């Protein structure tokens, strides 16, 4: 069973969004496991888990002595999981990361708060710093939920239609095409006629080309990756 270990000083933040919808139901059915480790239960001195940084500065840092105790509370297999520290200075999270992690036994995520954590925690325990975007939050809990949700939805049996997973944005370095439902006309805007035709080959061609055009316009960086992966400039029909 796939598992995630979350180290946090706010354990009541979980499961949060991980406890709703299909992912929450899968958690109840024990298709995956969420292990939340409360760092406050591992003080290194006088109920303290953090201290002021050497060299001055505002804020407090998580002590490596606290983290050592918390990490040692995991079993041998859990200690072997890939380790991630949610940090705005880390490399940006990619869909490929989620795919790789979802195929592993699990992941351990450290959520920072206040000024962060002692660098030696990251160095000794070989944490990879990962960012979910070029912005700063008060802590890593929301980022951790983002990573875990992205992984869990890729696990077998979580999402009913696995074909929908393959059509996701970023899976093929393309953004997803537009989607439509009833009514056929809304505010004088009609659903593209081809989608009403029942011709699945034409519909597939239309949606594929729409994905390409959207990617070219909105994410030229992804479009460049798509071109590189396909070894030649893909043909895009404009009508």
C-alpha atoms as a PDB file:
ATOM      1  CA  UNK A   1       0.000   0.000   0.000  1.00  0.00           C
ATOM      2  CA  UNK A   2       1.338   3.413  -0.986  1.00  0.00           C
ATOM      3  CA  UNK A   3       2.064   5.671   1.989  1.00  0.00           C
ATOM      4  CA  UNK A   4       3.081   9.207   2.777  1.00  0.00           C
ATOM      5  CA  UNK A   5       4.704  10.459   5.969  1.00  0.00           C
ATOM      6  CA  UNK A   6       4.046  14.128   6.725  1.00  0.00           C
ATOM      7  CA  UNK A   7       6.189  15.927   9.321  1.00  0.00           C
ATOM      8  CA  UNK A   8       4.413  19.046  10.582  1.00  0.00           C
ATOM      9  CA  UNK A   9       3.784  21.150  13.673  1.00  0.00           C
ATOM     10  CA  UNK A  10       0.120  21.424  12.651  1.00  0.00           C
ATOM     11  CA  UNK A  11      -1.134  17.824  12.385  1.00  0.00           C
ATOM     12  CA  UNK A  12      -4.751  19.002  12.587  1.00  0.00           C
ATOM     13  CA  UNK A  13      -4.295  20.492   9.093  1.00  0.00           C
ATOM     14  CA  UNK A  14      -4.552  16.933   7.763  1.00  0.00           C
ATOM     15  CA  UNK A  15      -6.145  15.189   6.017  1.00  0.00           C
ATOM     16  CA  UNK A  16      -7.640  18.466   4.771  1.00  0.00           C
ATOM     17  CA  UNK A  17      -8.386  18.143   1.060  1.00  0.00           C
ATOM     18  CA  UNK A  18      -6.893  14.661   1.153  1.00  0.00           C
ATOM     19  CA  UNK A  19      -9.946  13.510   3.097  1.00  0.00           C
ATOM     20  CA  UNK A  20     -12.593  14.380   0.509  1.00  0.00           C
ATOM     21  CA  UNK A  21     -13.844  13.052  -2.834  1.00  0.00           C
ATOM     22  CA  UNK A  22     -12.366   9.896  -4.371  1.00  0.00           C
ATOM     23  CA  UNK A  23      -9.027  10.347  -2.607  1.00  0.00           C
ATOM     24  CA  UNK A  24     -10.700  10.646   0.791  1.00  0.00           C
ATOM     25  CA  UNK A  25     -12.823   7.582   0.099  1.00  0.00           C
ATOM     26  CA  UNK A  26      -9.713   5.651  -0.926  1.00  0.00           C
ATOM     27  CA  UNK A  27      -8.066   6.712   2.345  1.00  0.00           C
ATOM     28  CA  UNK A  28     -11.040   5.365   4.304  1.00  0.00           C
ATOM     29  CA  UNK A  29     -10.855   2.103   2.363  1.00  0.00           C
ATOM     30  CA  UNK A  30      -7.112   1.880   3.116  1.00  0.00           C
ATOM     31  CA  UNK A  31      -6.060   1.970  -0.521  1.00  0.00           C
ATOM     32  CA  UNK A  32      -3.332   4.358   0.601  1.00  0.00           C
ATOM     33  CA  UNK A  33      -2.057   5.478   3.989  1.00  0.00           C
ATOM     34  CA  UNK A  34      -1.477   8.917   5.500  1.00  0.00           C
ATOM     35  CA  UNK A  35       0.926   9.016   8.453  1.00  0.00           C
ATOM     36  CA  UNK A  36       1.051  12.469  10.042  1.00  0.00           C
ATOM     37  CA  UNK A  37       3.946  12.977  12.457  1.00  0.00           C
ATOM     38  CA  UNK A  38       3.500  15.781  14.999  1.00  0.00           C
ATOM     39  CA  UNK A  39       6.911  17.392  15.447  1.00  0.00           C
ATOM     40  CA  UNK A  40       5.787  18.973  18.716  1.00  0.00           C
ATOM     41  CA  UNK A  41       5.859  15.514  20.302  1.00  0.00           C
ATOM     42  CA  UNK A  42       9.653  15.413  19.934  1.00  0.00           C
ATOM     43  CA  UNK A  43      11.088  18.365  21.910  1.00  0.00           C
ATOM     44  CA  UNK A  44      14.848  18.446  22.388  1.00  0.00           C
ATOM     45  CA  UNK A  45      14.796  20.584  25.557  1.00  0.00           C
ATOM     46  CA  UNK A  46      12.116  22.101  27.780  1.00  0.00           C
ATOM     47  CA  UNK A  47       9.313  21.451  25.279  1.00  0.00           C
ATOM     48  CA  UNK A  48      11.267  23.303  22.580  1.00  0.00           C
ATOM     49  CA  UNK A  49      11.461  22.022  19.004  1.00  0.00           C
ATOM     50  CA  UNK A  50      13.040  25.141  17.488  1.00  0.00           C
ATOM     51  CA  UNK A  51      15.635  27.803  18.244  1.00  0.00           C
ATOM     52  CA  UNK A  52      16.934  31.123  16.969  1.00  0.00           C
ATOM     53  CA  UNK A  53      19.298  30.933  13.970  1.00  0.00           C
ATOM     54  CA  UNK A  54      23.026  31.398  14.385  1.00  0.00           C
ATOM     55  CA  UNK A  55      24.170  34.697  12.923  1.00  0.00           C
ATOM     56  CA  UNK A  56      20.994  36.501  13.881  1.00  0.00           C
ATOM     57  CA  UNK A  57      17.813  37.119  11.973  1.00  0.00           C
ATOM     58  CA  UNK A  58      14.105  36.922  12.648  1.00  0.00           C
ATOM     59  CA  UNK A  59      12.115  33.741  13.140  1.00  0.00           C
ATOM     60  CA  UNK A  60      12.888  30.312  14.518  1.00  0.00           C
ATOM     61  CA  UNK A  61      14.354  27.183  12.925  1.00  0.00           C
ATOM     62  CA  UNK A  62      13.321  23.574  13.473  1.00  0.00           C
ATOM     63  CA  UNK A  63      16.073  21.867  15.448  1.00  0.00           C
ATOM     64  CA  UNK A  64      17.874  18.878  13.911  1.00  0.00           C
ATOM     65  CA  UNK A  65      17.631  17.205  17.332  1.00  0.00           C
ATOM     66  CA  UNK A  66      13.838  17.296  17.133  1.00  0.00           C
ATOM     67  CA  UNK A  67      13.759  16.018  13.593  1.00  0.00           C
ATOM     68  CA  UNK A  68      16.168  13.203  14.412  1.00  0.00           C
ATOM     69  CA  UNK A  69      13.776  11.885  17.058  1.00  0.00           C
ATOM     70  CA  UNK A  70      10.760  12.286  14.774  1.00  0.00           C
ATOM     71  CA  UNK A  71      12.436  10.542  11.847  1.00  0.00           C
ATOM     72  CA  UNK A  72      13.555   7.660  14.050  1.00  0.00           C
ATOM     73  CA  UNK A  73       9.893   7.050  14.946  1.00  0.00           C
ATOM     74  CA  UNK A  74       9.376   5.702  11.411  1.00  0.00           C
ATOM     75  CA  UNK A  75       9.883   2.041  10.651  1.00  0.00           C
ATOM     76  CA  UNK A  76      12.786   0.814   8.515  1.00  0.00           C
ATOM     77  CA  UNK A  77      10.795   0.752   5.259  1.00  0.00           C
ATOM     78  CA  UNK A  78       9.353   4.233   5.769  1.00  0.00           C
ATOM     79  CA  UNK A  79      12.834   5.655   6.305  1.00  0.00           C
ATOM     80  CA  UNK A  80      13.750   4.556   2.772  1.00  0.00           C
ATOM     81  CA  UNK A  81      11.041   6.672   1.086  1.00  0.00           C
ATOM     82  CA  UNK A  82      11.995   9.587  -1.122  1.00  0.00           C
ATOM     83  CA  UNK A  83      12.219  12.691   1.062  1.00  0.00           C
ATOM     84  CA  UNK A  84      10.866  16.112   0.023  1.00  0.00           C
ATOM     85  CA  UNK A  85      11.096  19.474   1.758  1.00  0.00           C
ATOM     86  CA  UNK A  86       8.492  21.944   0.504  1.00  0.00           C
ATOM     87  CA  UNK A  87      10.449  25.126  -0.193  1.00  0.00           C
ATOM     88  CA  UNK A  88      10.124  28.154  -2.527  1.00  0.00           C
ATOM     89  CA  UNK A  89      13.830  27.830  -3.321  1.00  0.00           C
ATOM     90  CA  UNK A  90      13.413  24.266  -4.601  1.00  0.00           C
ATOM     91  CA  UNK A  91      12.990  23.180  -8.199  1.00  0.00           C
ATOM     92  CA  UNK A  92       9.474  23.350  -9.543  1.00  0.00           C
ATOM     93  CA  UNK A  93       7.267  20.295  -9.171  1.00  0.00           C
ATOM     94  CA  UNK A  94       6.509  18.487 -12.436  1.00  0.00           C
ATOM     95  CA  UNK A  95       3.909  15.901 -13.414  1.00  0.00           C
ATOM     96  CA  UNK A  96       6.740  13.458 -14.067  1.00  0.00           C
ATOM     97  CA  UNK A  97       7.765  13.770 -10.411  1.00  0.00           C
ATOM     98  CA  UNK A  98       4.272  12.752  -9.321  1.00  0.00           C
ATOM     99  CA  UNK A  99       4.272   9.807 -11.723  1.00  0.00           C
ATOM    100  CA  UNK A 100       7.602   8.539 -10.399  1.00  0.00           C
ATOM    101  CA  UNK A 101       6.651   8.970  -6.734  1.00  0.00           C
ATOM    102  CA  UNK A 102       3.292   7.247  -7.244  1.00  0.00           C
ATOM    103  CA  UNK A 103       5.146   4.206  -8.569  1.00  0.00           C
ATOM    104  CA  UNK A 104       7.361   4.014  -5.468  1.00  0.00           C
ATOM    105  CA  UNK A 105       6.392   2.622  -2.030  1.00  0.00           C
ATOM    106  CA  UNK A 106       5.764   6.126  -0.712  1.00  0.00           C
ATOM    107  CA  UNK A 107       7.107   9.585   0.085  1.00  0.00           C
ATOM    108  CA  UNK A 108       8.146  11.516   3.201  1.00  0.00           C
ATOM    109  CA  UNK A 109       7.415  15.256   3.230  1.00  0.00           C
ATOM    110  CA  UNK A 110       8.707  17.826   5.712  1.00  0.00           C
ATOM    111  CA  UNK A 111       6.556  20.938   6.150  1.00  0.00           C
ATOM    112  CA  UNK A 112       8.508  23.975   7.231  1.00  0.00           C
ATOM    113  CA  UNK A 113       7.073  26.833   9.305  1.00  0.00           C
ATOM    114  CA  UNK A 114       8.265  30.239  10.469  1.00  0.00           C
ATOM    115  CA  UNK A 115      11.860  30.755   9.291  1.00  0.00           C
ATOM    116  CA  UNK A 116      12.321  27.156   8.152  1.00  0.00           C
ATOM    117  CA  UNK A 117      14.538  24.282   9.246  1.00  0.00           C
ATOM    118  CA  UNK A 118      18.188  23.761  10.114  1.00  0.00           C
ATOM    119  CA  UNK A 119      20.047  23.113   6.848  1.00  0.00           C
ATOM    120  CA  UNK A 120      21.703  20.028   8.341  1.00  0.00           C
ATOM    121  CA  UNK A 121      18.314  18.283   8.400  1.00  0.00           C
ATOM    122  CA  UNK A 122      18.104  18.656   4.636  1.00  0.00           C
ATOM    123  CA  UNK A 123      21.730  17.702   4.078  1.00  0.00           C
ATOM    124  CA  UNK A 124      22.033  14.676   6.348  1.00  0.00           C
ATOM    125  CA  UNK A 125      18.638  13.145   5.531  1.00  0.00           C
ATOM    126  CA  UNK A 126      19.019  13.960   1.823  1.00  0.00           C
ATOM    127  CA  UNK A 127      15.825  15.932   1.356  1.00  0.00           C
ATOM    128  CA  UNK A 128      15.087  17.275  -2.105  1.00  0.00           C
ATOM    129  CA  UNK A 129      13.682  20.801  -2.037  1.00  0.00           C
ATOM    130  CA  UNK A 130      10.553  21.084  -4.184  1.00  0.00           C
ATOM    131  CA  UNK A 131       8.480  24.172  -4.977  1.00  0.00           C
ATOM    132  CA  UNK A 132       4.882  24.216  -6.205  1.00  0.00           C
ATOM    133  CA  UNK A 133       5.304  27.706  -7.664  1.00  0.00           C
ATOM    134  CA  UNK A 134       7.089  31.035  -7.491  1.00  0.00           C
ATOM    135  CA  UNK A 135       5.306  32.317  -4.397  1.00  0.00           C
ATOM    136  CA  UNK A 136       5.640  32.018  -0.618  1.00  0.00           C
ATOM    137  CA  UNK A 137       3.162  30.474   1.845  1.00  0.00           C
ATOM    138  CA  UNK A 138       3.213  30.506   5.639  1.00  0.00           C
ATOM    139  CA  UNK A 139       4.098  26.824   5.731  1.00  0.00           C
ATOM    140  CA  UNK A 140       4.489  23.661   3.722  1.00  0.00           C
ATOM    141  CA  UNK A 141       1.205  21.935   4.590  1.00  0.00           C
ATOM    142  CA  UNK A 142      -0.720  23.112   1.517  1.00  0.00           C
ATOM    143  CA  UNK A 143       2.215  22.216  -0.719  1.00  0.00           C
ATOM    144  CA  UNK A 144       2.393  18.766   0.892  1.00  0.00           C
ATOM    145  CA  UNK A 145      -1.311  18.187   0.199  1.00  0.00           C
ATOM    146  CA  UNK A 146      -0.742  19.217  -3.403  1.00  0.00           C
ATOM    147  CA  UNK A 147       2.071  16.711  -3.862  1.00  0.00           C
ATOM    148  CA  UNK A 148       0.207  13.870  -2.157  1.00  0.00           C
ATOM    149  CA  UNK A 149      -3.041  14.458  -4.049  1.00  0.00           C
ATOM    150  CA  UNK A 150      -1.145  14.535  -7.330  1.00  0.00           C
ATOM    151  CA  UNK A 151       0.444  11.171  -6.481  1.00  0.00           C
ATOM    152  CA  UNK A 152      -2.596   9.392  -5.037  1.00  0.00           C
ATOM    153  CA  UNK A 153      -4.832  10.095  -8.039  1.00  0.00           C
ATOM    154  CA  UNK A 154      -2.313   8.194 -10.176  1.00  0.00           C
ATOM    155  CA  UNK A 155      -2.500   5.045  -8.053  1.00  0.00           C
ATOM    156  CA  UNK A 156      -4.354   2.062  -9.577  1.00  0.00           C
ATOM    157  CA  UNK A 157      -8.011   1.924  -8.571  1.00  0.00           C
ATOM    158  CA  UNK A 158      -8.273   5.512  -7.285  1.00  0.00           C
ATOM    159  CA  UNK A 159      -9.711   7.159 -10.391  1.00  0.00           C
ATOM    160  CA  UNK A 160     -12.419   5.082 -12.071  1.00  0.00           C
ATOM    161  CA  UNK A 161     -11.446   5.868 -15.661  1.00  0.00           C
ATOM    162  CA  UNK A 162      -7.675   5.561 -16.076  1.00  0.00           C
ATOM    163  CA  UNK A 163      -8.027   6.820 -19.652  1.00  0.00           C
ATOM    164  CA  UNK A 164      -8.855  10.224 -18.202  1.00  0.00           C
ATOM    165  CA  UNK A 165      -5.471  10.166 -16.440  1.00  0.00           C
ATOM    166  CA  UNK A 166      -3.691   9.636 -19.752  1.00  0.00           C
ATOM    167  CA  UNK A 167      -5.520  12.655 -21.190  1.00  0.00           C
ATOM    168  CA  UNK A 168      -4.444  14.969 -18.359  1.00  0.00           C
ATOM    169  CA  UNK A 169      -2.574  18.165 -19.012  1.00  0.00           C
ATOM    170  CA  UNK A 170       1.239  17.622 -18.921  1.00  0.00           C
ATOM    171  CA  UNK A 171       1.019  13.848 -19.441  1.00  0.00           C
ATOM    172  CA  UNK A 172       2.128  14.211 -23.068  1.00  0.00           C
ATOM    173  CA  UNK A 173       3.605  17.714 -22.680  1.00  0.00           C
ATOM    174  CA  UNK A 174       0.289  19.099 -23.932  1.00  0.00           C
ATOM    175  CA  UNK A 175      -2.377  21.075 -22.099  1.00  0.00           C
ATOM    176  CA  UNK A 176      -5.855  19.582 -22.015  1.00  0.00           C
ATOM    177  CA  UNK A 177      -8.347  20.604 -24.711  1.00  0.00           C
ATOM    178  CA  UNK A 178     -11.537  22.548 -23.913  1.00  0.00           C
ATOM    179  CA  UNK A 179     -14.491  20.584 -22.530  1.00  0.00           C
ATOM    180  CA  UNK A 180     -18.230  21.152 -23.074  1.00  0.00           C
ATOM    181  CA  UNK A 181     -21.534  19.774 -21.763  1.00  0.00           C
ATOM    182  CA  UNK A 182     -25.281  20.497 -22.102  1.00  0.00           C
ATOM    183  CA  UNK A 183     -26.838  22.785 -23.206  1.00  0.00           C
ATOM    184  CA  UNK A 184     -25.504  22.883 -26.767  1.00  0.00           C
ATOM    185  CA  UNK A 185     -25.927  26.686 -26.798  1.00  0.00           C
ATOM    186  CA  UNK A 186     -25.199  28.936 -23.809  1.00  0.00           C
ATOM    187  CA  UNK A 187     -25.218  32.749 -23.998  1.00  0.00           C
ATOM    188  CA  UNK A 188     -25.210  32.432 -27.807  1.00  0.00           C
ATOM    189  CA  UNK A 189     -22.011  30.377 -27.633  1.00  0.00           C
ATOM    190  CA  UNK A 190     -22.342  26.997 -29.340  1.00  0.00           C
ATOM    191  CA  UNK A 191     -20.515  23.778 -28.612  1.00  0.00           C
ATOM    192  CA  UNK A 192     -18.129  23.012 -31.531  1.00  0.00           C
ATOM    193  CA  UNK A 193     -20.196  21.143 -34.107  1.00  0.00           C
ATOM    194  CA  UNK A 194     -17.719  18.288 -34.470  1.00  0.00           C
ATOM    195  CA  UNK A 195     -18.337  17.272 -30.833  1.00  0.00           C
ATOM    196  CA  UNK A 196     -21.998  16.698 -31.672  1.00  0.00           C
ATOM    197  CA  UNK A 197     -21.248  14.628 -34.780  1.00  0.00           C
ATOM    198  CA  UNK A 198     -20.743  11.258 -33.114  1.00  0.00           C
ATOM    199  CA  UNK A 199     -17.682  10.684 -35.324  1.00  0.00           C
ATOM    200  CA  UNK A 200     -15.098   9.649 -32.748  1.00  0.00           C
ATOM    201  CA  UNK A 201     -12.158   9.808 -35.135  1.00  0.00           C
ATOM    202  CA  UNK A 202     -12.966  13.390 -36.101  1.00  0.00           C
ATOM    203  CA  UNK A 203     -13.585  14.280 -32.460  1.00  0.00           C
ATOM    204  CA  UNK A 204     -10.221  12.844 -31.403  1.00  0.00           C
ATOM    205  CA  UNK A 205      -8.425  14.747 -34.176  1.00  0.00           C
ATOM    206  CA  UNK A 206     -10.228  17.958 -33.242  1.00  0.00           C
ATOM    207  CA  UNK A 207      -9.390  17.632 -29.535  1.00  0.00           C
ATOM    208  CA  UNK A 208      -5.767  16.721 -30.200  1.00  0.00           C
ATOM    209  CA  UNK A 209      -5.253  19.723 -32.443  1.00  0.00           C
ATOM    210  CA  UNK A 210      -7.029  21.973 -29.968  1.00  0.00           C
ATOM    211  CA  UNK A 211      -4.637  20.778 -27.247  1.00  0.00           C
ATOM    212  CA  UNK A 212      -1.706  21.616 -29.495  1.00  0.00           C
ATOM    213  CA  UNK A 213      -2.992  25.108 -30.265  1.00  0.00           C
ATOM    214  CA  UNK A 214      -3.716  25.835 -26.596  1.00  0.00           C
ATOM    215  CA  UNK A 215      -0.248  24.636 -25.602  1.00  0.00           C
ATOM    216  CA  UNK A 216       1.470  26.711 -28.296  1.00  0.00           C
ATOM    217  CA  UNK A 217      -0.389  29.821 -27.131  1.00  0.00           C
ATOM    218  CA  UNK A 218      -0.288  29.418 -23.357  1.00  0.00           C
ATOM    219  CA  UNK A 219       2.845  27.338 -22.688  1.00  0.00           C
ATOM    220  CA  UNK A 220       5.487  27.665 -25.405  1.00  0.00           C
ATOM    221  CA  UNK A 221       7.932  25.937 -23.056  1.00  0.00           C
ATOM    222  CA  UNK A 222       5.778  22.810 -23.012  1.00  0.00           C
ATOM    223  CA  UNK A 223       5.250  23.060 -26.762  1.00  0.00           C
ATOM    224  CA  UNK A 224       8.998  23.031 -27.262  1.00  0.00           C
ATOM    225  CA  UNK A 225       9.251  19.857 -25.169  1.00  0.00           C
ATOM    226  CA  UNK A 226       6.458  18.263 -27.185  1.00  0.00           C
ATOM    227  CA  UNK A 227       8.237  19.053 -30.432  1.00  0.00           C
ATOM    228  CA  UNK A 228      11.525  17.715 -29.096  1.00  0.00           C
ATOM    229  CA  UNK A 229       9.946  14.489 -27.874  1.00  0.00           C
ATOM    230  CA  UNK A 230       8.238  13.870 -31.202  1.00  0.00           C
ATOM    231  CA  UNK A 231      11.477  14.564 -33.135  1.00  0.00           C
ATOM    232  CA  UNK A 232       9.750  16.793 -35.661  1.00  0.00           C
ATOM    233  CA  UNK A 233       7.411  19.746 -35.830  1.00  0.00           C
ATOM    234  CA  UNK A 234       3.880  18.383 -35.336  1.00  0.00           C
ATOM    235  CA  UNK A 235       1.279  19.311 -37.872  1.00  0.00           C
ATOM    236  CA  UNK A 236      -1.505  21.465 -36.460  1.00  0.00           C
ATOM    237  CA  UNK A 237      -4.738  21.932 -38.332  1.00  0.00           C
ATOM    238  CA  UNK A 238      -6.176  25.386 -37.864  1.00  0.00           C
ATOM    239  CA  UNK A 239      -9.737  24.599 -38.798  1.00  0.00           C
END
